[in-house]
Amino acid sequence: FELEISPLKNQDGTLYGVIEVARDITDRLRIEEELRTSQSHLYRLAHHDTLTGLPNRLLFRDRLNLAVSKAKRSGNSVALLFLDLDKFKTINDTLGHDVGDELLVEVASRLQGQCRQSDTVARLGGDEFVFILEDISKPEDASVVARKIMLALTQPVRIKEHALTISTSICIALYPNDSADIE
């Protein structure tokens, strides 16, 4: 309930009563909660890949901008690891998109397991994933992570009756060594 109370005064300013108005605001509170939930859901849809739950291209670009800004201030580097699953199209075409989708979900899970709290792994689309590694002090740090990723993805994946062995190609770019431009 919402309660409004106003003083009721006579002509000389003496208080001789109050006016109270009470309203049931249950519906308003319910609608406000539904609106907050809807806004949260819309934000998630706009910034995350619906299949894997990973950040999408939009959120990736935002996080990359933030990482580069922090690197400018700290003097550290940012590593970008671009991953493309080898022969994913063949799996998708021969075993079906449902198997391909399950494979992407499993890959996303494995990639998240290779992330530090400060890093970002995003799905750009199809079988393309990207890591943002912040606070890289030397280029070798990025190659260590790339090796860990490759090892994590070499473990067979069981989807339905299929045992799939996958691999990935990884490109590494360092800010500011390779480019000061995000593009």
N, C-alpha and C. Protein backbone atom coordinates (compact mmCIF):
# COMPACT_ATOMS: atom_id res chain seq x y z
N PHE A 1 0.83 -1.18 0.00
CA PHE A 1 0.00 0.00 0.00
C PHE A 1 0.87 1.24 0.00
N GLU A 2 0.36 2.28 -0.64
CA GLU A 2 1.01 3.58 -0.62
C GLU A 2 0.06 4.51 0.12
N LEU A 3 0.60 5.28 1.04
CA LEU A 3 -0.23 6.14 1.88
C LEU A 3 0.25 7.57 1.75
N GLU A 4 -0.68 8.48 1.43
CA GLU A 4 -0.38 9.91 1.38
C GLU A 4 -1.16 10.59 2.50
N ILE A 5 -0.46 11.41 3.23
CA ILE A 5 -1.11 12.12 4.34
C ILE A 5 -0.85 13.61 4.15
N SER A 6 -1.92 14.40 4.20
CA SER A 6 -1.82 15.86 4.06
C SER A 6 -2.47 16.51 5.27
N PRO A 7 -1.84 17.57 5.78
CA PRO A 7 -2.46 18.26 6.93
C PRO A 7 -3.71 19.03 6.50
N LEU A 8 -4.66 19.09 7.39
CA LEU A 8 -5.88 19.87 7.16
C LEU A 8 -5.89 20.97 8.22
N LYS A 9 -5.73 22.22 7.76
CA LYS A 9 -5.61 23.35 8.69
C LYS A 9 -6.77 24.32 8.48
N ASN A 10 -7.11 25.01 9.59
CA ASN A 10 -8.15 26.05 9.47
C ASN A 10 -7.49 27.36 9.04
N GLN A 11 -8.26 28.46 8.99
CA GLN A 11 -7.76 29.72 8.45
C GLN A 11 -6.62 30.32 9.27
N ASP A 12 -6.55 30.06 10.56
CA ASP A 12 -5.46 30.62 11.36
C ASP A 12 -4.22 29.71 11.38
N GLY A 13 -4.25 28.62 10.61
CA GLY A 13 -3.10 27.74 10.48
C GLY A 13 -3.05 26.61 11.49
N THR A 14 -4.06 26.51 12.32
CA THR A 14 -4.09 25.45 13.33
C THR A 14 -4.50 24.14 12.67
N LEU A 15 -3.78 23.10 13.03
CA LEU A 15 -4.07 21.77 12.49
C LEU A 15 -5.31 21.23 13.18
N TYR A 16 -6.31 20.86 12.41
CA TYR A 16 -7.50 20.28 13.01
C TYR A 16 -7.85 18.92 12.42
N GLY A 17 -6.96 18.41 11.58
CA GLY A 17 -7.21 17.08 11.02
C GLY A 17 -6.19 16.74 9.93
N VAL A 18 -6.33 15.54 9.41
CA VAL A 18 -5.46 15.09 8.30
C VAL A 18 -6.33 14.42 7.25
N ILE A 19 -5.83 14.48 6.05
CA ILE A 19 -6.50 13.78 4.97
C ILE A 19 -5.57 12.64 4.58
N GLU A 20 -6.09 11.43 4.61
CA GLU A 20 -5.29 10.27 4.24
C GLU A 20 -5.88 9.62 3.00
N VAL A 21 -4.96 9.26 2.07
CA VAL A 21 -5.38 8.55 0.87
C VAL A 21 -4.49 7.31 0.78
N ALA A 22 -5.13 6.16 0.74
CA ALA A 22 -4.37 4.90 0.64
C ALA A 22 -4.70 4.24 -0.69
N ARG A 23 -3.64 3.70 -1.32
CA ARG A 23 -3.82 3.02 -2.60
C ARG A 23 -3.13 1.66 -2.55
N ASP A 24 -3.74 0.72 -3.17
CA ASP A 24 -3.12 -0.59 -3.34
C ASP A 24 -2.21 -0.50 -4.57
N ILE A 25 -0.90 -0.68 -4.37
CA ILE A 25 0.05 -0.57 -5.48
C ILE A 25 0.63 -1.93 -5.88
N THR A 26 -0.06 -2.98 -5.52
CA THR A 26 0.40 -4.33 -5.84
C THR A 26 0.60 -4.49 -7.35
N ASP A 27 -0.36 -4.04 -8.14
CA ASP A 27 -0.25 -4.18 -9.60
C ASP A 27 0.92 -3.37 -10.14
N ARG A 28 1.10 -2.16 -9.62
CA ARG A 28 2.21 -1.32 -10.09
C ARG A 28 3.56 -1.98 -9.78
N LEU A 29 3.70 -2.53 -8.59
CA LEU A 29 4.95 -3.20 -8.22
C LEU A 29 5.21 -4.44 -9.09
N ARG A 30 4.15 -5.17 -9.39
CA ARG A 30 4.28 -6.34 -10.25
C ARG A 30 4.71 -5.93 -11.65
N ILE A 31 4.12 -4.87 -12.17
CA ILE A 31 4.46 -4.38 -13.51
C ILE A 31 5.90 -3.85 -13.54
N GLU A 32 6.32 -3.15 -12.49
CA GLU A 32 7.70 -2.66 -12.42
C GLU A 32 8.69 -3.83 -12.40
N GLU A 33 8.36 -4.88 -11.67
CA GLU A 33 9.24 -6.06 -11.62
C GLU A 33 9.29 -6.75 -12.99
N GLU A 34 8.15 -6.86 -13.65
CA GLU A 34 8.13 -7.44 -15.00
C GLU A 34 8.96 -6.60 -15.97
N LEU A 35 8.90 -5.29 -15.82
CA LEU A 35 9.67 -4.39 -16.68
C LEU A 35 11.17 -4.58 -16.43
N ARG A 36 11.57 -4.66 -15.15
CA ARG A 36 12.99 -4.90 -14.84
C ARG A 36 13.46 -6.23 -15.42
N THR A 37 12.64 -7.26 -15.30
CA THR A 37 12.98 -8.57 -15.84
C THR A 37 13.09 -8.52 -17.36
N SER A 38 12.15 -7.83 -18.00
CA SER A 38 12.17 -7.70 -19.46
C SER A 38 13.39 -6.93 -19.92
N GLN A 39 13.74 -5.87 -19.22
CA GLN A 39 14.92 -5.09 -19.59
C GLN A 39 16.19 -5.92 -19.44
N SER A 40 16.25 -6.69 -18.38
CA SER A 40 17.41 -7.57 -18.17
C SER A 40 17.50 -8.61 -19.28
N HIS A 41 16.36 -9.17 -19.65
CA HIS A 41 16.31 -10.17 -20.71
C HIS A 41 16.72 -9.55 -22.06
N LEU A 42 16.24 -8.35 -22.34
CA LEU A 42 16.59 -7.67 -23.58
C LEU A 42 18.08 -7.35 -23.63
N TYR A 43 18.65 -6.94 -22.49
CA TYR A 43 20.08 -6.66 -22.44
C TYR A 43 20.85 -7.94 -22.75
N ARG A 44 20.44 -9.04 -22.14
CA ARG A 44 21.12 -10.32 -22.37
C ARG A 44 21.02 -10.72 -23.84
N LEU A 45 19.84 -10.58 -24.44
CA LEU A 45 19.67 -10.92 -25.85
C LEU A 45 20.54 -10.04 -26.75
N ALA A 46 20.67 -8.77 -26.39
CA ALA A 46 21.44 -7.84 -27.22
C ALA A 46 22.95 -8.04 -27.09
N HIS A 47 23.41 -8.59 -25.97
CA HIS A 47 24.84 -8.64 -25.69
C HIS A 47 25.43 -10.04 -25.58
N HIS A 48 24.61 -11.07 -25.66
CA HIS A 48 25.12 -12.44 -25.52
C HIS A 48 24.61 -13.32 -26.65
N ASP A 49 25.42 -14.26 -27.02
CA ASP A 49 25.07 -15.25 -28.02
C ASP A 49 23.99 -16.16 -27.44
N THR A 50 22.89 -16.34 -28.14
CA THR A 50 21.77 -17.11 -27.60
C THR A 50 22.09 -18.60 -27.47
N LEU A 51 22.96 -19.12 -28.32
CA LEU A 51 23.28 -20.55 -28.26
C LEU A 51 24.23 -20.87 -27.12
N THR A 52 25.31 -20.14 -27.00
CA THR A 52 26.37 -20.48 -26.04
C THR A 52 26.32 -19.67 -24.75
N GLY A 53 25.62 -18.55 -24.78
CA GLY A 53 25.59 -17.66 -23.61
C GLY A 53 26.82 -16.78 -23.49
N LEU A 54 27.77 -16.92 -24.41
CA LEU A 54 28.98 -16.10 -24.38
C LEU A 54 28.66 -14.68 -24.86
N PRO A 55 29.51 -13.72 -24.49
CA PRO A 55 29.34 -12.39 -25.07
C PRO A 55 29.35 -12.46 -26.60
N ASN A 56 28.55 -11.61 -27.23
CA ASN A 56 28.51 -11.57 -28.69
C ASN A 56 29.42 -10.47 -29.21
N ARG A 57 29.36 -10.21 -30.48
CA ARG A 57 30.23 -9.23 -31.13
C ARG A 57 30.09 -7.83 -30.49
N LEU A 58 28.88 -7.44 -30.17
CA LEU A 58 28.63 -6.11 -29.59
C LEU A 58 29.32 -5.98 -28.23
N LEU A 59 29.11 -6.94 -27.35
CA LEU A 59 29.73 -6.89 -26.02
C LEU A 59 31.24 -7.09 -26.13
N PHE A 60 31.68 -7.92 -27.07
CA PHE A 60 33.11 -8.11 -27.31
C PHE A 60 33.79 -6.78 -27.63
N ARG A 61 33.21 -6.02 -28.55
CA ARG A 61 33.81 -4.73 -28.94
C ARG A 61 33.88 -3.78 -27.73
N ASP A 62 32.84 -3.77 -26.92
CA ASP A 62 32.83 -2.93 -25.74
C ASP A 62 33.95 -3.35 -24.77
N ARG A 63 34.07 -4.63 -24.53
CA ARG A 63 35.11 -5.12 -23.62
C ARG A 63 36.51 -4.90 -24.19
N LEU A 64 36.65 -5.01 -25.50
CA LEU A 64 37.95 -4.76 -26.12
C LEU A 64 38.34 -3.29 -25.95
N ASN A 65 37.38 -2.40 -26.17
CA ASN A 65 37.65 -0.98 -25.95
C ASN A 65 38.08 -0.71 -24.51
N LEU A 66 37.40 -1.33 -23.55
CA LEU A 66 37.77 -1.15 -22.14
C LEU A 66 39.16 -1.71 -21.86
N ALA A 67 39.46 -2.88 -22.41
CA ALA A 67 40.77 -3.51 -22.19
C ALA A 67 41.89 -2.64 -22.76
N VAL A 68 41.67 -2.09 -23.94
CA VAL A 68 42.67 -1.23 -24.56
C VAL A 68 42.84 0.06 -23.75
N SER A 69 41.76 0.62 -23.26
CA SER A 69 41.85 1.83 -22.43
C SER A 69 42.65 1.55 -21.16
N LYS A 70 42.39 0.41 -20.52
CA LYS A 70 43.16 0.05 -19.32
C LYS A 70 44.62 -0.18 -19.65
N ALA A 71 44.88 -0.81 -20.78
CA ALA A 71 46.26 -1.08 -21.18
C ALA A 71 47.02 0.22 -21.45
N LYS A 72 46.35 1.21 -22.02
CA LYS A 72 46.98 2.51 -22.26
C LYS A 72 47.41 3.14 -20.94
N ARG A 73 46.55 3.04 -19.93
CA ARG A 73 46.86 3.62 -18.63
C ARG A 73 47.96 2.86 -17.90
N SER A 74 47.92 1.52 -17.97
CA SER A 74 48.84 0.70 -17.19
C SER A 74 50.17 0.43 -17.90
N GLY A 75 50.17 0.57 -19.22
CA GLY A 75 51.38 0.26 -19.98
C GLY A 75 51.53 -1.23 -20.29
N ASN A 76 50.53 -2.04 -19.92
CA ASN A 76 50.55 -3.46 -20.26
C ASN A 76 49.99 -3.68 -21.66
N SER A 77 50.01 -4.92 -22.08
CA SER A 77 49.49 -5.28 -23.40
C SER A 77 48.16 -6.01 -23.27
N VAL A 78 47.46 -6.06 -24.37
CA VAL A 78 46.24 -6.86 -24.50
C VAL A 78 46.49 -7.83 -25.64
N ALA A 79 46.16 -9.10 -25.41
CA ALA A 79 46.28 -10.09 -26.48
C ALA A 79 44.89 -10.45 -26.97
N LEU A 80 44.78 -10.58 -28.26
CA LEU A 80 43.55 -11.00 -28.90
C LEU A 80 43.83 -12.34 -29.55
N LEU A 81 43.08 -13.36 -29.18
CA LEU A 81 43.23 -14.69 -29.77
C LEU A 81 41.97 -14.98 -30.57
N PHE A 82 42.12 -15.12 -31.86
CA PHE A 82 41.00 -15.40 -32.75
C PHE A 82 41.02 -16.88 -33.09
N LEU A 83 39.93 -17.58 -32.76
CA LEU A 83 39.86 -19.03 -32.97
C LEU A 83 38.82 -19.37 -34.02
N ASP A 84 39.15 -20.32 -34.82
CA ASP A 84 38.23 -20.85 -35.83
C ASP A 84 38.35 -22.36 -35.75
N LEU A 85 37.21 -23.05 -35.57
CA LEU A 85 37.25 -24.51 -35.47
C LEU A 85 37.55 -25.11 -36.83
N ASP A 86 38.51 -26.02 -36.86
CA ASP A 86 38.88 -26.68 -38.11
C ASP A 86 37.80 -27.69 -38.51
N LYS A 87 37.40 -27.66 -39.75
CA LYS A 87 36.45 -28.61 -40.34
C LYS A 87 35.07 -28.61 -39.68
N PHE A 88 34.71 -27.49 -39.06
CA PHE A 88 33.39 -27.41 -38.43
C PHE A 88 32.28 -27.53 -39.46
N LYS A 89 32.47 -26.90 -40.61
CA LYS A 89 31.44 -26.95 -41.67
C LYS A 89 31.16 -28.39 -42.08
N THR A 90 32.19 -29.22 -42.14
CA THR A 90 32.00 -30.62 -42.50
C THR A 90 31.14 -31.33 -41.45
N ILE A 91 31.42 -31.08 -40.17
CA ILE A 91 30.61 -31.68 -39.10
C ILE A 91 29.17 -31.23 -39.22
N ASN A 92 28.97 -29.95 -39.41
CA ASN A 92 27.63 -29.38 -39.52
C ASN A 92 26.88 -29.97 -40.72
N ASP A 93 27.57 -30.05 -41.85
CA ASP A 93 26.94 -30.54 -43.08
C ASP A 93 26.65 -32.04 -43.05
N THR A 94 27.53 -32.83 -42.45
CA THR A 94 27.35 -34.28 -42.48
C THR A 94 26.53 -34.82 -41.32
N LEU A 95 26.66 -34.20 -40.14
CA LEU A 95 25.96 -34.73 -38.96
C LEU A 95 24.73 -33.91 -38.57
N GLY A 96 24.58 -32.75 -39.16
CA GLY A 96 23.41 -31.92 -38.89
C GLY A 96 23.71 -30.74 -37.98
N HIS A 97 22.86 -29.74 -38.11
CA HIS A 97 23.05 -28.51 -37.35
C HIS A 97 22.84 -28.71 -35.85
N ASP A 98 21.99 -29.67 -35.46
CA ASP A 98 21.79 -29.90 -34.03
C ASP A 98 23.07 -30.42 -33.38
N VAL A 99 23.81 -31.30 -34.08
CA VAL A 99 25.09 -31.78 -33.57
C VAL A 99 26.10 -30.63 -33.56
N GLY A 100 26.09 -29.83 -34.63
CA GLY A 100 26.98 -28.68 -34.70
C GLY A 100 26.72 -27.70 -33.56
N ASP A 101 25.44 -27.46 -33.26
CA ASP A 101 25.10 -26.56 -32.16
C ASP A 101 25.58 -27.10 -30.82
N GLU A 102 25.36 -28.39 -30.58
CA GLU A 102 25.83 -29.00 -29.33
C GLU A 102 27.35 -28.93 -29.22
N LEU A 103 28.02 -29.10 -30.35
CA LEU A 103 29.48 -29.00 -30.36
C LEU A 103 29.92 -27.58 -29.99
N LEU A 104 29.25 -26.58 -30.54
CA LEU A 104 29.58 -25.19 -30.22
C LEU A 104 29.37 -24.89 -28.73
N VAL A 105 28.32 -25.44 -28.16
CA VAL A 105 28.06 -25.25 -26.73
C VAL A 105 29.18 -25.88 -25.90
N GLU A 106 29.60 -27.08 -26.28
CA GLU A 106 30.69 -27.75 -25.57
C GLU A 106 32.00 -26.99 -25.74
N VAL A 107 32.28 -26.51 -26.92
CA VAL A 107 33.50 -25.73 -27.16
C VAL A 107 33.47 -24.47 -26.30
N ALA A 108 32.33 -23.78 -26.26
CA ALA A 108 32.21 -22.57 -25.45
C ALA A 108 32.51 -22.87 -23.98
N SER A 109 32.00 -23.98 -23.50
CA SER A 109 32.24 -24.37 -22.11
C SER A 109 33.73 -24.63 -21.86
N ARG A 110 34.36 -25.32 -22.77
CA ARG A 110 35.79 -25.60 -22.63
C ARG A 110 36.61 -24.32 -22.69
N LEU A 111 36.22 -23.41 -23.57
CA LEU A 111 36.95 -22.15 -23.69
C LEU A 111 36.81 -21.31 -22.42
N GLN A 112 35.62 -21.30 -21.84
CA GLN A 112 35.42 -20.56 -20.60
C GLN A 112 36.31 -21.11 -19.49
N GLY A 113 36.57 -22.42 -19.53
CA GLY A 113 37.45 -23.03 -18.55
C GLY A 113 38.89 -22.58 -18.67
N GLN A 114 39.25 -21.97 -19.78
CA GLN A 114 40.62 -21.50 -20.00
C GLN A 114 40.77 -20.01 -19.71
N CYS A 115 39.69 -19.38 -19.29
CA CYS A 115 39.67 -17.93 -19.06
C CYS A 115 39.99 -17.58 -17.61
N ARG A 116 40.75 -16.50 -17.44
CA ARG A 116 40.87 -15.90 -16.12
C ARG A 116 39.65 -15.00 -15.91
N GLN A 117 39.42 -14.59 -14.68
CA GLN A 117 38.28 -13.73 -14.36
C GLN A 117 38.33 -12.43 -15.17
N SER A 118 39.51 -11.91 -15.41
CA SER A 118 39.66 -10.63 -16.10
C SER A 118 39.57 -10.75 -17.62
N ASP A 119 39.58 -11.97 -18.15
CA ASP A 119 39.56 -12.18 -19.59
C ASP A 119 38.14 -12.32 -20.11
N THR A 120 38.01 -12.21 -21.41
CA THR A 120 36.72 -12.38 -22.07
C THR A 120 36.87 -13.40 -23.18
N VAL A 121 35.92 -14.32 -23.26
CA VAL A 121 35.82 -15.18 -24.44
C VAL A 121 34.44 -14.90 -25.03
N ALA A 122 34.41 -14.65 -26.32
CA ALA A 122 33.17 -14.29 -27.00
C ALA A 122 33.00 -15.15 -28.25
N ARG A 123 31.76 -15.29 -28.66
CA ARG A 123 31.47 -15.96 -29.94
C ARG A 123 31.05 -14.87 -30.92
N LEU A 124 31.83 -14.77 -32.01
CA LEU A 124 31.53 -13.75 -33.00
C LEU A 124 30.46 -14.22 -33.98
N GLY A 125 30.32 -15.51 -34.13
CA GLY A 125 29.34 -16.08 -35.05
C GLY A 125 29.89 -17.37 -35.61
N GLY A 126 29.01 -18.23 -36.09
CA GLY A 126 29.44 -19.51 -36.66
C GLY A 126 30.34 -20.24 -35.71
N ASP A 127 31.52 -20.62 -36.18
CA ASP A 127 32.50 -21.33 -35.34
C ASP A 127 33.67 -20.43 -34.98
N GLU A 128 33.44 -19.12 -34.94
CA GLU A 128 34.49 -18.16 -34.64
C GLU A 128 34.35 -17.66 -33.20
N PHE A 129 35.42 -17.83 -32.44
CA PHE A 129 35.49 -17.38 -31.06
C PHE A 129 36.70 -16.46 -30.93
N VAL A 130 36.66 -15.60 -29.92
CA VAL A 130 37.79 -14.70 -29.69
C VAL A 130 37.99 -14.53 -28.19
N PHE A 131 39.26 -14.48 -27.80
CA PHE A 131 39.65 -14.22 -26.42
C PHE A 131 40.24 -12.82 -26.33
N ILE A 132 39.93 -12.12 -25.27
CA ILE A 132 40.62 -10.89 -24.92
C ILE A 132 41.38 -11.20 -23.64
N LEU A 133 42.70 -11.18 -23.73
CA LEU A 133 43.54 -11.44 -22.56
C LEU A 133 44.12 -10.11 -22.11
N GLU A 134 43.72 -9.68 -20.93
CA GLU A 134 44.20 -8.40 -20.40
C GLU A 134 45.48 -8.59 -19.60
N ASP A 135 46.17 -7.49 -19.39
CA ASP A 135 47.38 -7.45 -18.54
C ASP A 135 48.42 -8.48 -18.96
N ILE A 136 48.71 -8.50 -20.25
CA ILE A 136 49.75 -9.38 -20.77
C ILE A 136 51.08 -8.64 -20.62
N SER A 137 52.00 -9.24 -19.89
CA SER A 137 53.29 -8.56 -19.68
C SER A 137 54.30 -8.91 -20.76
N LYS A 138 54.18 -10.11 -21.35
CA LYS A 138 55.08 -10.48 -22.45
C LYS A 138 54.30 -11.33 -23.46
N PRO A 139 54.67 -11.26 -24.73
CA PRO A 139 53.93 -11.97 -25.79
C PRO A 139 53.81 -13.48 -25.55
N GLU A 140 54.78 -14.07 -24.89
CA GLU A 140 54.74 -15.52 -24.64
C GLU A 140 53.54 -15.92 -23.80
N ASP A 141 53.05 -15.00 -22.97
CA ASP A 141 51.87 -15.31 -22.14
C ASP A 141 50.67 -15.69 -23.00
N ALA A 142 50.51 -15.00 -24.12
CA ALA A 142 49.39 -15.29 -25.03
C ALA A 142 49.56 -16.66 -25.68
N SER A 143 50.78 -17.02 -26.02
CA SER A 143 51.00 -18.33 -26.66
C SER A 143 50.79 -19.46 -25.66
N VAL A 144 51.06 -19.22 -24.38
CA VAL A 144 50.79 -20.23 -23.35
C VAL A 144 49.28 -20.51 -23.29
N VAL A 145 48.48 -19.44 -23.29
CA VAL A 145 47.03 -19.60 -23.27
C VAL A 145 46.56 -20.31 -24.54
N ALA A 146 47.11 -19.95 -25.68
CA ALA A 146 46.73 -20.59 -26.95
C ALA A 146 47.00 -22.10 -26.89
N ARG A 147 48.14 -22.49 -26.33
CA ARG A 147 48.43 -23.92 -26.21
C ARG A 147 47.43 -24.62 -25.29
N LYS A 148 47.07 -23.96 -24.19
CA LYS A 148 46.08 -24.53 -23.26
C LYS A 148 44.72 -24.71 -23.96
N ILE A 149 44.35 -23.74 -24.76
CA ILE A 149 43.09 -23.82 -25.50
C ILE A 149 43.13 -25.00 -26.46
N MET A 150 44.20 -25.09 -27.21
CA MET A 150 44.32 -26.18 -28.19
C MET A 150 44.26 -27.54 -27.49
N LEU A 151 44.93 -27.66 -26.34
CA LEU A 151 44.90 -28.91 -25.59
C LEU A 151 43.49 -29.23 -25.08
N ALA A 152 42.80 -28.21 -24.58
CA ALA A 152 41.43 -28.41 -24.07
C ALA A 152 40.49 -28.87 -25.18
N LEU A 153 40.74 -28.41 -26.40
CA LEU A 153 39.84 -28.77 -27.50
C LEU A 153 40.21 -30.09 -28.17
N THR A 154 41.37 -30.65 -27.85
CA THR A 154 41.74 -31.93 -28.47
C THR A 154 41.07 -33.12 -27.80
N GLN A 155 40.52 -32.93 -26.61
CA GLN A 155 39.81 -34.02 -25.94
C GLN A 155 38.53 -34.33 -26.74
N PRO A 156 38.27 -35.60 -27.03
CA PRO A 156 37.08 -35.94 -27.83
C PRO A 156 35.78 -35.43 -27.20
N VAL A 157 34.85 -35.09 -28.06
CA VAL A 157 33.54 -34.62 -27.64
C VAL A 157 32.52 -35.67 -28.04
N ARG A 158 31.69 -36.09 -27.09
CA ARG A 158 30.66 -37.10 -27.36
C ARG A 158 29.32 -36.37 -27.50
N ILE A 159 28.76 -36.44 -28.70
CA ILE A 159 27.45 -35.85 -28.96
C ILE A 159 26.59 -36.91 -29.62
N LYS A 160 25.51 -37.24 -28.91
CA LYS A 160 24.63 -38.33 -29.35
C LYS A 160 25.49 -39.58 -29.53
N GLU A 161 25.46 -40.22 -30.67
CA GLU A 161 26.25 -41.44 -30.86
C GLU A 161 27.60 -41.15 -31.52
N HIS A 162 27.97 -39.87 -31.60
CA HIS A 162 29.19 -39.48 -32.30
C HIS A 162 30.29 -39.09 -31.32
N ALA A 163 31.48 -39.61 -31.56
CA ALA A 163 32.67 -39.17 -30.84
C ALA A 163 33.45 -38.27 -31.79
N LEU A 164 33.48 -36.99 -31.49
CA LEU A 164 34.10 -36.02 -32.38
C LEU A 164 35.44 -35.55 -31.84
N THR A 165 36.40 -35.51 -32.70
CA THR A 165 37.70 -34.94 -32.38
C THR A 165 37.82 -33.66 -33.17
N ILE A 166 38.08 -32.58 -32.45
CA ILE A 166 38.15 -31.27 -33.12
C ILE A 166 39.51 -30.64 -32.87
N SER A 167 39.81 -29.65 -33.67
CA SER A 167 41.01 -28.85 -33.48
C SER A 167 40.65 -27.42 -33.86
N THR A 168 41.57 -26.53 -33.59
CA THR A 168 41.30 -25.12 -33.87
C THR A 168 42.54 -24.44 -34.43
N SER A 169 42.30 -23.43 -35.22
CA SER A 169 43.37 -22.55 -35.68
C SER A 169 43.25 -21.28 -34.85
N ILE A 170 44.39 -20.76 -34.39
CA ILE A 170 44.38 -19.58 -33.54
C ILE A 170 45.35 -18.54 -34.09
N CYS A 171 44.85 -17.33 -34.25
CA CYS A 171 45.70 -16.19 -34.60
C CYS A 171 45.83 -15.33 -33.34
N ILE A 172 47.01 -14.77 -33.13
CA ILE A 172 47.25 -13.93 -31.96
C ILE A 172 47.68 -12.55 -32.43
N ALA A 173 47.05 -11.53 -31.86
CA ALA A 173 47.44 -10.14 -32.11
C ALA A 173 47.62 -9.47 -30.76
N LEU A 174 48.64 -8.61 -30.67
CA LEU A 174 48.93 -7.92 -29.42
C LEU A 174 48.76 -6.41 -29.58
N TYR A 175 48.13 -5.82 -28.58
CA TYR A 175 48.04 -4.37 -28.51
C TYR A 175 49.09 -3.92 -27.51
N PRO A 176 49.90 -2.96 -27.77
CA PRO A 176 50.00 -2.11 -28.96
C PRO A 176 51.01 -2.61 -29.98
N ASN A 177 51.69 -3.73 -29.72
CA ASN A 177 52.77 -4.21 -30.59
C ASN A 177 52.34 -4.36 -32.05
N ASP A 178 51.23 -5.06 -32.27
CA ASP A 178 50.79 -5.34 -33.64
C ASP A 178 49.96 -4.21 -34.24
N SER A 179 49.23 -3.52 -33.39
CA SER A 179 48.41 -2.40 -33.87
C SER A 179 47.88 -1.61 -32.68
N ALA A 180 47.73 -0.34 -32.87
CA ALA A 180 47.10 0.50 -31.85
C ALA A 180 45.64 0.74 -32.20
N ASP A 181 45.21 0.19 -33.33
CA ASP A 181 43.85 0.35 -33.83
C ASP A 181 43.05 -0.92 -33.52
N ILE A 182 41.90 -0.78 -32.93
CA ILE A 182 41.10 -1.94 -32.56
C ILE A 182 40.67 -2.75 -33.78
N GLU A 183 40.38 -2.10 -34.87
CA GLU A 183 39.96 -2.83 -36.08
C GLU A 183 41.08 -3.73 -36.56
